[in-house]
Amino acid sequence: MDDRAGGYTEYGFTAEFYDHVVPYRERQDVAFFVELAREAGGPVLEVGCGTGRVLIPTARAGFEIVGLDLSPSMLAVCRESLAQEPAEVQARVELVEGDMRDFDLGR
């Protein structure tokens, strides 16, 4: 894996704790991003979707969303959280493992 990612993919053990760290747990930006999706009318691409902190609420709000992230560990946490959501929310989400610096979703 490309080391220009600053070790992001090597620190998989942090993924399970990410949503519990104060700067991320207490951020008030989710509503802002959901509103942007509403204004755009979807679909949405979230680059660096991580654990789904923004992605899942966006899907709950009724928008199709593709989440792109380099870390398999972060995406695994996202998949676990997404599995707890109703089928209609899950159906709105596509998760892609890839590097935000160079990706092609084919659309």
PDB file of N, CA and C in Angstrom:
ATOM      1  N   MET A   1       0.854  -1.185   0.000  1.00  0.00           N
ATOM      2  CA  MET A   1       0.000   0.000   0.000  1.00  0.00           C
ATOM      3  C   MET A   1       0.891   1.238   0.000  1.00  0.00           C
ATOM      4  N   ASP A   2       0.454   2.253  -0.665  1.00  0.00           N
ATOM      5  CA  ASP A   2       1.183   3.505  -0.807  1.00  0.00           C
ATOM      6  C   ASP A   2       1.387   4.156   0.564  1.00  0.00           C
ATOM      7  N   ASP A   3       2.644   4.434   0.947  1.00  0.00           N
ATOM      8  CA  ASP A   3       2.920   5.000   2.258  1.00  0.00           C
ATOM      9  C   ASP A   3       2.609   6.491   2.357  1.00  0.00           C
ATOM     10  N   ARG A   4       2.200   7.124   1.257  1.00  0.00           N
ATOM     11  CA  ARG A   4       1.826   8.542   1.321  1.00  0.00           C
ATOM     12  C   ARG A   4       0.523   8.744   2.106  1.00  0.00           C
ATOM     13  N   ALA A   5      -0.156   7.667   2.447  1.00  0.00           N
ATOM     14  CA  ALA A   5      -1.400   7.770   3.213  1.00  0.00           C
ATOM     15  C   ALA A   5      -1.128   7.988   4.697  1.00  0.00           C
ATOM     16  N   GLY A   6       0.120   8.130   5.068  1.00  0.00           N
ATOM     17  CA  GLY A   6       0.463   8.455   6.447  1.00  0.00           C
ATOM     18  C   GLY A   6       0.163   7.358   7.453  1.00  0.00           C
ATOM     19  N   GLY A   7       0.153   6.115   7.015  1.00  0.00           N
ATOM     20  CA  GLY A   7      -0.111   5.011   7.925  1.00  0.00           C
ATOM     21  C   GLY A   7      -1.582   4.751   8.186  1.00  0.00           C
ATOM     22  N   TYR A   8      -2.457   5.449   7.467  1.00  0.00           N
ATOM     23  CA  TYR A   8      -3.905   5.341   7.695  1.00  0.00           C
ATOM     24  C   TYR A   8      -4.396   3.900   7.663  1.00  0.00           C
ATOM     25  N   THR A   9      -3.926   3.115   6.733  1.00  0.00           N
ATOM     26  CA  THR A   9      -4.417   1.739   6.611  1.00  0.00           C
ATOM     27  C   THR A   9      -3.768   0.797   7.621  1.00  0.00           C
ATOM     28  N   GLU A  10      -2.620   1.154   8.155  1.00  0.00           N
ATOM     29  CA  GLU A  10      -1.918   0.280   9.087  1.00  0.00           C
ATOM     30  C   GLU A  10      -2.475   0.348  10.507  1.00  0.00           C
ATOM     31  N   TYR A  11      -3.217   1.378  10.833  1.00  0.00           N
ATOM     32  CA  TYR A  11      -3.714   1.553  12.195  1.00  0.00           C
ATOM     33  C   TYR A  11      -5.166   1.111  12.310  1.00  0.00           C
ATOM     34  N   GLY A  12      -5.430  -0.104  11.867  1.00  0.00           N
ATOM     35  CA  GLY A  12      -6.774  -0.641  11.862  1.00  0.00           C
ATOM     36  C   GLY A  12      -7.403  -0.744  13.235  1.00  0.00           C
ATOM     37  N   PHE A  13      -6.596  -0.927  14.262  1.00  0.00           N
ATOM     38  CA  PHE A  13      -7.132  -1.074  15.609  1.00  0.00           C
ATOM     39  C   PHE A  13      -7.855   0.187  16.084  1.00  0.00           C
ATOM     40  N   THR A  14      -7.565   1.329  15.491  1.00  0.00           N
ATOM     41  CA  THR A  14      -8.213   2.566  15.924  1.00  0.00           C
ATOM     42  C   THR A  14      -9.624   2.707  15.377  1.00  0.00           C
ATOM     43  N   ALA A  15      -9.957   1.975  14.338  1.00  0.00           N
ATOM     44  CA  ALA A  15     -11.271   2.117  13.706  1.00  0.00           C
ATOM     45  C   ALA A  15     -12.408   1.864  14.684  1.00  0.00           C
ATOM     46  N   GLU A  16     -12.268   0.863  15.544  1.00  0.00           N
ATOM     47  CA  GLU A  16     -13.352   0.542  16.464  1.00  0.00           C
ATOM     48  C   GLU A  16     -13.573   1.626  17.520  1.00  0.00           C
ATOM     49  N   PHE A  17     -12.589   2.483  17.737  1.00  0.00           N
ATOM     50  CA  PHE A  17     -12.708   3.540  18.742  1.00  0.00           C
ATOM     51  C   PHE A  17     -13.009   4.909  18.151  1.00  0.00           C
ATOM     52  N   TYR A  18     -12.920   5.024  16.859  1.00  0.00           N
ATOM     53  CA  TYR A  18     -13.014   6.315  16.169  1.00  0.00           C
ATOM     54  C   TYR A  18     -14.261   7.109  16.564  1.00  0.00           C
ATOM     55  N   ASP A  19     -15.419   6.478  16.559  1.00  0.00           N
ATOM     56  CA  ASP A  19     -16.670   7.193  16.851  1.00  0.00           C
ATOM     57  C   ASP A  19     -16.816   7.572  18.314  1.00  0.00           C
ATOM     58  N   HIS A  20     -15.935   7.079  19.166  1.00  0.00           N
ATOM     59  CA  HIS A  20     -16.030   7.360  20.599  1.00  0.00           C
ATOM     60  C   HIS A  20     -15.066   8.451  21.051  1.00  0.00           C
ATOM     61  N   VAL A  21     -14.215   8.918  20.161  1.00  0.00           N
ATOM     62  CA  VAL A  21     -13.255   9.970  20.488  1.00  0.00           C
ATOM     63  C   VAL A  21     -13.986  11.310  20.439  1.00  0.00           C
ATOM     64  N   VAL A  22     -13.809  12.117  21.471  1.00  0.00           N
ATOM     65  CA  VAL A  22     -14.570  13.357  21.634  1.00  0.00           C
ATOM     66  C   VAL A  22     -14.637  14.237  20.385  1.00  0.00           C
ATOM     67  N   PRO A  23     -13.537  14.531  19.691  1.00  0.00           N
ATOM     68  CA  PRO A  23     -13.671  15.440  18.543  1.00  0.00           C
ATOM     69  C   PRO A  23     -14.630  14.925  17.473  1.00  0.00           C
ATOM     70  N   TYR A  24     -14.762  13.618  17.338  1.00  0.00           N
ATOM     71  CA  TYR A  24     -15.645  13.060  16.313  1.00  0.00           C
ATOM     72  C   TYR A  24     -17.040  12.804  16.879  1.00  0.00           C
ATOM     73  N   ARG A  25     -17.119  12.345  18.094  1.00  0.00           N
ATOM     74  CA  ARG A  25     -18.396  12.019  18.725  1.00  0.00           C
ATOM     75  C   ARG A  25     -19.263  13.259  18.903  1.00  0.00           C
ATOM     76  N   GLU A  26     -18.654  14.410  19.179  1.00  0.00           N
ATOM     77  CA  GLU A  26     -19.420  15.604  19.523  1.00  0.00           C
ATOM     78  C   GLU A  26     -19.530  16.622  18.399  1.00  0.00           C
ATOM     79  N   ARG A  27     -19.037  16.287  17.208  1.00  0.00           N
ATOM     80  CA  ARG A  27     -19.130  17.233  16.087  1.00  0.00           C
ATOM     81  C   ARG A  27     -20.582  17.402  15.676  1.00  0.00           C
ATOM     82  N   GLN A  28     -20.924  18.618  15.314  1.00  0.00           N
ATOM     83  CA  GLN A  28     -22.296  18.945  14.945  1.00  0.00           C
ATOM     84  C   GLN A  28     -22.458  19.114  13.437  1.00  0.00           C
ATOM     85  N   ASP A  29     -21.631  18.448  12.652  1.00  0.00           N
ATOM     86  CA  ASP A  29     -21.631  18.666  11.212  1.00  0.00           C
ATOM     87  C   ASP A  29     -22.547  17.746  10.420  1.00  0.00           C
ATOM     88  N   VAL A  30     -23.067  16.708  11.020  1.00  0.00           N
ATOM     89  CA  VAL A  30     -23.875  15.742  10.284  1.00  0.00           C
ATOM     90  C   VAL A  30     -25.091  16.406   9.653  1.00  0.00           C
ATOM     91  N   ALA A  31     -25.808  17.222  10.407  1.00  0.00           N
ATOM     92  CA  ALA A  31     -26.992  17.902   9.871  1.00  0.00           C
ATOM     93  C   ALA A  31     -26.627  18.794   8.690  1.00  0.00           C
ATOM     94  N   PHE A  32     -25.470  19.430   8.759  1.00  0.00           N
ATOM     95  CA  PHE A  32     -25.002  20.279   7.660  1.00  0.00           C
ATOM     96  C   PHE A  32     -24.842  19.453   6.384  1.00  0.00           C
ATOM     97  N   PHE A  33     -24.197  18.293   6.494  1.00  0.00           N
ATOM     98  CA  PHE A  33     -23.963  17.462   5.313  1.00  0.00           C
ATOM     99  C   PHE A  33     -25.256  16.841   4.781  1.00  0.00           C
ATOM    100  N   VAL A  34     -26.153  16.463   5.665  1.00  0.00           N
ATOM    101  CA  VAL A  34     -27.447  15.927   5.221  1.00  0.00           C
ATOM    102  C   VAL A  34     -28.218  17.016   4.471  1.00  0.00           C
ATOM    103  N   GLU A  35     -28.154  18.235   4.958  1.00  0.00           N
ATOM    104  CA  GLU A  35     -28.829  19.345   4.271  1.00  0.00           C
ATOM    105  C   GLU A  35     -28.210  19.597   2.896  1.00  0.00           C
ATOM    106  N   LEU A  36     -26.900  19.496   2.778  1.00  0.00           N
ATOM    107  CA  LEU A  36     -26.261  19.635   1.463  1.00  0.00           C
ATOM    108  C   LEU A  36     -26.747  18.560   0.502  1.00  0.00           C
ATOM    109  N   ALA A  37     -26.897  17.332   0.998  1.00  0.00           N
ATOM    110  CA  ALA A  37     -27.429  16.252   0.162  1.00  0.00           C
ATOM    111  C   ALA A  37     -28.853  16.583  -0.280  1.00  0.00           C
ATOM    112  N   ARG A  38     -29.629  17.138   0.634  1.00  0.00           N
ATOM    113  CA  ARG A  38     -31.011  17.522   0.326  1.00  0.00           C
ATOM    114  C   ARG A  38     -31.018  18.598  -0.768  1.00  0.00           C
ATOM    115  N   GLU A  39     -30.158  19.592  -0.646  1.00  0.00           N
ATOM    116  CA  GLU A  39     -30.088  20.661  -1.639  1.00  0.00           C
ATOM    117  C   GLU A  39     -29.641  20.132  -2.999  1.00  0.00           C
ATOM    118  N   ALA A  40     -28.715  19.178  -2.995  1.00  0.00           N
ATOM    119  CA  ALA A  40     -28.208  18.608  -4.244  1.00  0.00           C
ATOM    120  C   ALA A  40     -29.204  17.627  -4.856  1.00  0.00           C
ATOM    121  N   GLY A  41     -30.045  17.045  -4.028  1.00  0.00           N
ATOM    122  CA  GLY A  41     -31.017  16.079  -4.504  1.00  0.00           C
ATOM    123  C   GLY A  41     -30.452  14.679  -4.685  1.00  0.00           C
ATOM    124  N   GLY A  42     -29.176  14.493  -4.314  1.00  0.00           N
ATOM    125  CA  GLY A  42     -28.526  13.192  -4.406  1.00  0.00           C
ATOM    126  C   GLY A  42     -28.263  12.812  -5.848  1.00  0.00           C
ATOM    127  N   PRO A  43     -27.641  11.722  -6.146  1.00  0.00           N
ATOM    128  CA  PRO A  43     -26.897  10.891  -5.195  1.00  0.00           C
ATOM    129  C   PRO A  43     -25.655  11.609  -4.668  1.00  0.00           C
ATOM    130  N   VAL A  44     -25.064  11.024  -3.638  1.00  0.00           N
ATOM    131  CA  VAL A  44     -23.968  11.657  -2.915  1.00  0.00           C
ATOM    132  C   VAL A  44     -22.737  10.754  -2.940  1.00  0.00           C
ATOM    133  N   LEU A  45     -21.567  11.376  -3.027  1.00  0.00           N
ATOM    134  CA  LEU A  45     -20.293  10.682  -2.851  1.00  0.00           C
ATOM    135  C   LEU A  45     -19.648  11.251  -1.597  1.00  0.00           C
ATOM    136  N   GLU A  46     -19.365  10.385  -0.629  1.00  0.00           N
ATOM    137  CA  GLU A  46     -18.612  10.825   0.544  1.00  0.00           C
ATOM    138  C   GLU A  46     -17.208  10.260   0.441  1.00  0.00           C
ATOM    139  N   VAL A  47     -16.257  11.141   0.216  1.00  0.00           N
ATOM    140  CA  VAL A  47     -14.857  10.765   0.112  1.00  0.00           C
ATOM    141  C   VAL A  47     -14.285  10.751   1.528  1.00  0.00           C
ATOM    142  N   GLY A  48     -13.758   9.602   1.923  1.00  0.00           N
ATOM    143  CA  GLY A  48     -13.263   9.458   3.297  1.00  0.00           C
ATOM    144  C   GLY A  48     -14.411   9.194   4.250  1.00  0.00           C
ATOM    145  N   CYS A  49     -15.266   8.247   3.921  1.00  0.00           N
ATOM    146  CA  CYS A  49     -16.486   7.993   4.702  1.00  0.00           C
ATOM    147  C   CYS A  49     -16.215   7.350   6.051  1.00  0.00           C
ATOM    148  N   GLY A  50     -15.032   6.751   6.224  1.00  0.00           N
ATOM    149  CA  GLY A  50     -14.667   6.183   7.517  1.00  0.00           C
ATOM    150  C   GLY A  50     -15.690   5.205   8.044  1.00  0.00           C
ATOM    151  N   THR A  51     -16.148   5.444   9.256  1.00  0.00           N
ATOM    152  CA  THR A  51     -17.057   4.541   9.955  1.00  0.00           C
ATOM    153  C   THR A  51     -18.525   4.766   9.607  1.00  0.00           C
ATOM    154  N   GLY A  52     -18.794   5.751   8.767  1.00  0.00           N
ATOM    155  CA  GLY A  52     -20.176   6.019   8.381  1.00  0.00           C
ATOM    156  C   GLY A  52     -20.874   7.064   9.219  1.00  0.00           C
ATOM    157  N   ARG A  53     -20.124   7.833   9.986  1.00  0.00           N
ATOM    158  CA  ARG A  53     -20.679   8.847  10.882  1.00  0.00           C
ATOM    159  C   ARG A  53     -21.593   9.812  10.139  1.00  0.00           C
ATOM    160  N   VAL A  54     -21.237  10.188   8.918  1.00  0.00           N
ATOM    161  CA  VAL A  54     -22.057  11.064   8.084  1.00  0.00           C
ATOM    162  C   VAL A  54     -22.845  10.243   7.066  1.00  0.00           C
ATOM    163  N   LEU A  55     -22.237   9.205   6.546  1.00  0.00           N
ATOM    164  CA  LEU A  55     -22.838   8.386   5.499  1.00  0.00           C
ATOM    165  C   LEU A  55     -24.172   7.786   5.919  1.00  0.00           C
ATOM    166  N   ILE A  56     -24.239   7.180   7.085  1.00  0.00           N
ATOM    167  CA  ILE A  56     -25.469   6.505   7.513  1.00  0.00           C
ATOM    168  C   ILE A  56     -26.616   7.486   7.731  1.00  0.00           C
ATOM    169  N   PRO A  57     -26.421   8.607   8.420  1.00  0.00           N
ATOM    170  CA  PRO A  57     -27.525   9.566   8.530  1.00  0.00           C
ATOM    171  C   PRO A  57     -27.984  10.114   7.172  1.00  0.00           C
ATOM    172  N   THR A  58     -27.065  10.232   6.232  1.00  0.00           N
ATOM    173  CA  THR A  58     -27.428  10.694   4.892  1.00  0.00           C
ATOM    174  C   THR A  58     -28.329   9.664   4.216  1.00  0.00           C
ATOM    175  N   ALA A  59     -27.979   8.395   4.346  1.00  0.00           N
ATOM    176  CA  ALA A  59     -28.815   7.325   3.791  1.00  0.00           C
ATOM    177  C   ALA A  59     -30.158   7.262   4.505  1.00  0.00           C
ATOM    178  N   ARG A  60     -30.168   7.465   5.816  1.00  0.00           N
ATOM    179  CA  ARG A  60     -31.435   7.484   6.571  1.00  0.00           C
ATOM    180  C   ARG A  60     -32.358   8.587   6.068  1.00  0.00           C
ATOM    181  N   ALA A  61     -31.750   9.696   5.631  1.00  0.00           N
ATOM    182  CA  ALA A  61     -32.535  10.839   5.150  1.00  0.00           C
ATOM    183  C   ALA A  61     -33.110  10.591   3.757  1.00  0.00           C
ATOM    184  N   GLY A  62     -32.778   9.439   3.167  1.00  0.00           N
ATOM    185  CA  GLY A  62     -33.380   9.059   1.906  1.00  0.00           C
ATOM    186  C   GLY A  62     -32.521   9.235   0.674  1.00  0.00           C
ATOM    187  N   PHE A  63     -31.229   9.458   0.854  1.00  0.00           N
ATOM    188  CA  PHE A  63     -30.344   9.715  -0.285  1.00  0.00           C
ATOM    189  C   PHE A  63     -29.449   8.530  -0.581  1.00  0.00           C
ATOM    190  N   GLU A  64     -29.286   8.236  -1.881  1.00  0.00           N
ATOM    191  CA  GLU A  64     -28.303   7.244  -2.295  1.00  0.00           C
ATOM    192  C   GLU A  64     -26.932   7.848  -2.053  1.00  0.00           C
ATOM    193  N   ILE A  65     -26.031   7.037  -1.507  1.00  0.00           N
ATOM    194  CA  ILE A  65     -24.704   7.537  -1.177  1.00  0.00           C
ATOM    195  C   ILE A  65     -23.661   6.455  -1.397  1.00  0.00           C
ATOM    196  N   VAL A  66     -22.555   6.861  -2.007  1.00  0.00           N
ATOM    197  CA  VAL A  66     -21.381   6.004  -2.164  1.00  0.00           C
ATOM    198  C   VAL A  66     -20.354   6.502  -1.165  1.00  0.00           C
ATOM    199  N   GLY A  67     -19.841   5.593  -0.350  1.00  0.00           N
ATOM    200  CA  GLY A  67     -18.797   5.921   0.606  1.00  0.00           C
ATOM    201  C   GLY A  67     -17.476   5.343   0.135  1.00  0.00           C
ATOM    202  N   LEU A  68     -16.481   6.188  -0.014  1.00  0.00           N
ATOM    203  CA  LEU A  68     -15.142   5.782  -0.452  1.00  0.00           C
ATOM    204  C   LEU A  68     -14.176   5.956   0.708  1.00  0.00           C
ATOM    205  N   ASP A  69     -13.410   4.921   1.008  1.00  0.00           N
ATOM    206  CA  ASP A  69     -12.401   5.036   2.057  1.00  0.00           C
ATOM    207  C   ASP A  69     -11.272   4.060   1.759  1.00  0.00           C
ATOM    208  N   LEU A  70     -10.073   4.420   2.162  1.00  0.00           N
ATOM    209  CA  LEU A  70      -8.880   3.610   1.935  1.00  0.00           C
ATOM    210  C   LEU A  70      -8.729   2.503   2.975  1.00  0.00           C
ATOM    211  N   SER A  71      -9.291   2.702   4.152  1.00  0.00           N
ATOM    212  CA  SER A  71      -9.069   1.779   5.259  1.00  0.00           C
ATOM    213  C   SER A  71     -10.101   0.647   5.305  1.00  0.00           C
ATOM    214  N   PRO A  72      -9.639  -0.586   5.140  1.00  0.00           N
ATOM    215  CA  PRO A  72     -10.559  -1.716   5.275  1.00  0.00           C
ATOM    216  C   PRO A  72     -11.154  -1.796   6.681  1.00  0.00           C
ATOM    217  N   SER A  73     -10.394  -1.387   7.682  1.00  0.00           N
ATOM    218  CA  SER A  73     -10.876  -1.437   9.064  1.00  0.00           C
ATOM    219  C   SER A  73     -12.004  -0.433   9.300  1.00  0.00           C
ATOM    220  N   MET A  74     -11.849   0.761   8.779  1.00  0.00           N
ATOM    221  CA  MET A  74     -12.909   1.767   8.916  1.00  0.00           C
ATOM    222  C   MET A  74     -14.164   1.301   8.177  1.00  0.00           C
ATOM    223  N   LEU A  75     -13.986   0.756   6.987  1.00  0.00           N
ATOM    224  CA  LEU A  75     -15.133   0.267   6.227  1.00  0.00           C
ATOM    225  C   LEU A  75     -15.805  -0.909   6.930  1.00  0.00           C
ATOM    226  N   ALA A  76     -15.032  -1.738   7.616  1.00  0.00           N
ATOM    227  CA  ALA A  76     -15.616  -2.853   8.365  1.00  0.00           C
ATOM    228  C   ALA A  76     -16.517  -2.344   9.480  1.00  0.00           C
ATOM    229  N   VAL A  77     -16.074  -1.302  10.187  1.00  0.00           N
ATOM    230  CA  VAL A  77     -16.905  -0.695  11.235  1.00  0.00           C
ATOM    231  C   VAL A  77     -18.166  -0.107  10.606  1.00  0.00           C
ATOM    232  N   CYS A  78     -18.005   0.548   9.468  1.00  0.00           N
ATOM    233  CA  CYS A  78     -19.149   1.120   8.762  1.00  0.00           C
ATOM    234  C   CYS A  78     -20.142   0.019   8.376  1.00  0.00           C
ATOM    235  N   ARG A  79     -19.647  -1.084   7.845  1.00  0.00           N
ATOM    236  CA  ARG A  79     -20.526  -2.197   7.455  1.00  0.00           C
ATOM    237  C   ARG A  79     -21.275  -2.761   8.660  1.00  0.00           C
ATOM    238  N   GLU A  80     -20.591  -2.859   9.801  1.00  0.00           N
ATOM    239  CA  GLU A  80     -21.240  -3.354  11.023  1.00  0.00           C
ATOM    240  C   GLU A  80     -22.378  -2.420  11.444  1.00  0.00           C
ATOM    241  N   SER A  81     -22.125  -1.134  11.412  1.00  0.00           N
ATOM    242  CA  SER A  81     -23.166  -0.161  11.767  1.00  0.00           C
ATOM    243  C   SER A  81     -24.299  -0.188  10.758  1.00  0.00           C
ATOM    244  N   LEU A  82     -23.950  -0.271   9.502  1.00  0.00           N
ATOM    245  CA  LEU A  82     -24.951  -0.291   8.439  1.00  0.00           C
ATOM    246  C   LEU A  82     -25.836  -1.533   8.543  1.00  0.00           C
ATOM    247  N   ALA A  83     -25.277  -2.633   8.980  1.00  0.00           N
ATOM    248  CA  ALA A  83     -26.043  -3.874   9.128  1.00  0.00           C
ATOM    249  C   ALA A  83     -27.156  -3.746  10.162  1.00  0.00           C
ATOM    250  N   GLN A  84     -27.045  -2.764  11.055  1.00  0.00           N
ATOM    251  CA  GLN A  84     -28.064  -2.535  12.079  1.00  0.00           C
ATOM    252  C   GLN A  84     -29.216  -1.659  11.573  1.00  0.00           C
ATOM    253  N   GLU A  85     -29.061  -1.139  10.378  1.00  0.00           N
ATOM    254  CA  GLU A  85     -30.054  -0.237   9.791  1.00  0.00           C
ATOM    255  C   GLU A  85     -31.118  -1.032   9.030  1.00  0.00           C
ATOM    256  N   PRO A  86     -32.304  -0.447   8.838  1.00  0.00           N
ATOM    257  CA  PRO A  86     -33.340  -1.105   8.037  1.00  0.00           C
ATOM    258  C   PRO A  86     -32.860  -1.351   6.608  1.00  0.00           C
ATOM    259  N   ALA A  87     -33.448  -2.334   5.968  1.00  0.00           N
ATOM    260  CA  ALA A  87     -33.045  -2.735   4.613  1.00  0.00           C
ATOM    261  C   ALA A  87     -33.097  -1.578   3.630  1.00  0.00           C
ATOM    262  N   GLU A  88     -34.072  -0.688   3.752  1.00  0.00           N
ATOM    263  CA  GLU A  88     -34.167   0.421   2.801  1.00  0.00           C
ATOM    264  C   GLU A  88     -33.012   1.407   2.955  1.00  0.00           C
ATOM    265  N   VAL A  89     -32.485   1.557   4.157  1.00  0.00           N
ATOM    266  CA  VAL A  89     -31.302   2.404   4.372  1.00  0.00           C
ATOM    267  C   VAL A  89     -30.077   1.707   3.777  1.00  0.00           C
ATOM    268  N   GLN A  90     -29.924   0.427   4.055  1.00  0.00           N
ATOM    269  CA  GLN A  90     -28.797  -0.334   3.522  1.00  0.00           C
ATOM    270  C   GLN A  90     -28.770  -0.302   1.995  1.00  0.00           C
ATOM    271  N   ALA A  91     -29.934  -0.354   1.384  1.00  0.00           N
ATOM    272  CA  ALA A  91     -30.026  -0.382  -0.082  1.00  0.00           C
ATOM    273  C   ALA A  91     -29.559   0.917  -0.722  1.00  0.00           C
ATOM    274  N   ARG A  92     -29.533   2.000   0.026  1.00  0.00           N
ATOM    275  CA  ARG A  92     -29.112   3.299  -0.508  1.00  0.00           C
ATOM    276  C   ARG A  92     -27.599   3.478  -0.473  1.00  0.00           C
ATOM    277  N   VAL A  93     -26.867   2.540   0.115  1.00  0.00           N
ATOM    278  CA  VAL A  93     -25.431   2.704   0.371  1.00  0.00           C
ATOM    279  C   VAL A  93     -24.608   1.742  -0.469  1.00  0.00           C
ATOM    280  N   GLU A  94     -23.542   2.286  -1.045  1.00  0.00           N
ATOM    281  CA  GLU A  94     -22.501   1.469  -1.679  1.00  0.00           C
ATOM    282  C   GLU A  94     -21.182   1.876  -1.046  1.00  0.00           C
ATOM    283  N   LEU A  95     -20.433   0.912  -0.534  1.00  0.00           N
ATOM    284  CA  LEU A  95     -19.127   1.186   0.063  1.00  0.00           C
ATOM    285  C   LEU A  95     -18.035   0.707  -0.881  1.00  0.00           C
ATOM    286  N   VAL A  96     -17.025   1.562  -1.074  1.00  0.00           N
ATOM    287  CA  VAL A  96     -15.930   1.270  -1.989  1.00  0.00           C
ATOM    288  C   VAL A  96     -14.614   1.490  -1.256  1.00  0.00           C
ATOM    289  N   GLU A  97     -13.755   0.470  -1.275  1.00  0.00           N
ATOM    290  CA  GLU A  97     -12.412   0.625  -0.728  1.00  0.00           C
ATOM    291  C   GLU A  97     -11.536   1.197  -1.827  1.00  0.00           C
ATOM    292  N   GLY A  98     -10.992   2.384  -1.591  1.00  0.00           N
ATOM    293  CA  GLY A  98     -10.150   3.009  -2.585  1.00  0.00           C
ATOM    294  C   GLY A  98      -9.497   4.265  -2.056  1.00  0.00           C
ATOM    295  N   ASP A  99      -8.540   4.727  -2.800  1.00  0.00           N
ATOM    296  CA  ASP A  99      -7.740   5.886  -2.440  1.00  0.00           C
ATOM    297  C   ASP A  99      -8.364   7.145  -3.041  1.00  0.00           C
ATOM    298  N   MET A 100      -8.679   8.103  -2.220  1.00  0.00           N
ATOM    299  CA  MET A 100      -9.321   9.337  -2.690  1.00  0.00           C
ATOM    300  C   MET A 100      -8.439  10.125  -3.661  1.00  0.00           C
ATOM    301  N   ARG A 101      -7.164   9.817  -3.686  1.00  0.00           N
ATOM    302  CA  ARG A 101      -6.251  10.527  -4.579  1.00  0.00           C
ATOM    303  C   ARG A 101      -6.295   9.985  -5.997  1.00  0.00           C
ATOM    304  N   ASP A 102      -6.881   8.800  -6.159  1.00  0.00           N
ATOM    305  CA  ASP A 102      -6.913   8.190  -7.482  1.00  0.00           C
ATOM    306  C   ASP A 102      -7.980   7.088  -7.507  1.00  0.00           C
ATOM    307  N   PHE A 103      -9.169   7.413  -7.952  1.00  0.00           N
ATOM    308  CA  PHE A 103     -10.229   6.414  -8.015  1.00  0.00           C
ATOM    309  C   PHE A 103     -11.117   6.674  -9.219  1.00  0.00           C
ATOM    310  N   ASP A 104     -11.814   5.624  -9.617  1.00  0.00           N
ATOM    311  CA  ASP A 104     -12.762   5.717 -10.723  1.00  0.00           C
ATOM    312  C   ASP A 104     -13.939   4.825 -10.365  1.00  0.00           C
ATOM    313  N   LEU A 105     -15.091   5.417 -10.182  1.00  0.00           N
ATOM    314  CA  LEU A 105     -16.279   4.662  -9.823  1.00  0.00           C
ATOM    315  C   LEU A 105     -17.043   4.191 -11.064  1.00  0.00           C
ATOM    316  N   GLY A 106     -16.563   4.590 -12.228  1.00  0.00           N
ATOM    317  CA  GLY A 106     -17.201   4.151 -13.458  1.00  0.00           C
ATOM    318  C   GLY A 106     -18.511   4.853 -13.762  1.00  0.00           C
ATOM    319  N   ARG A 107     -18.711   5.988 -13.130  1.00  0.00           N
ATOM    320  CA  ARG A 107     -19.916   6.775 -13.424  1.00  0.00           C
ATOM    321  C   ARG A 107     -19.669   8.241 -13.164  1.00  0.00           C
TER     322      ARG A 107
END
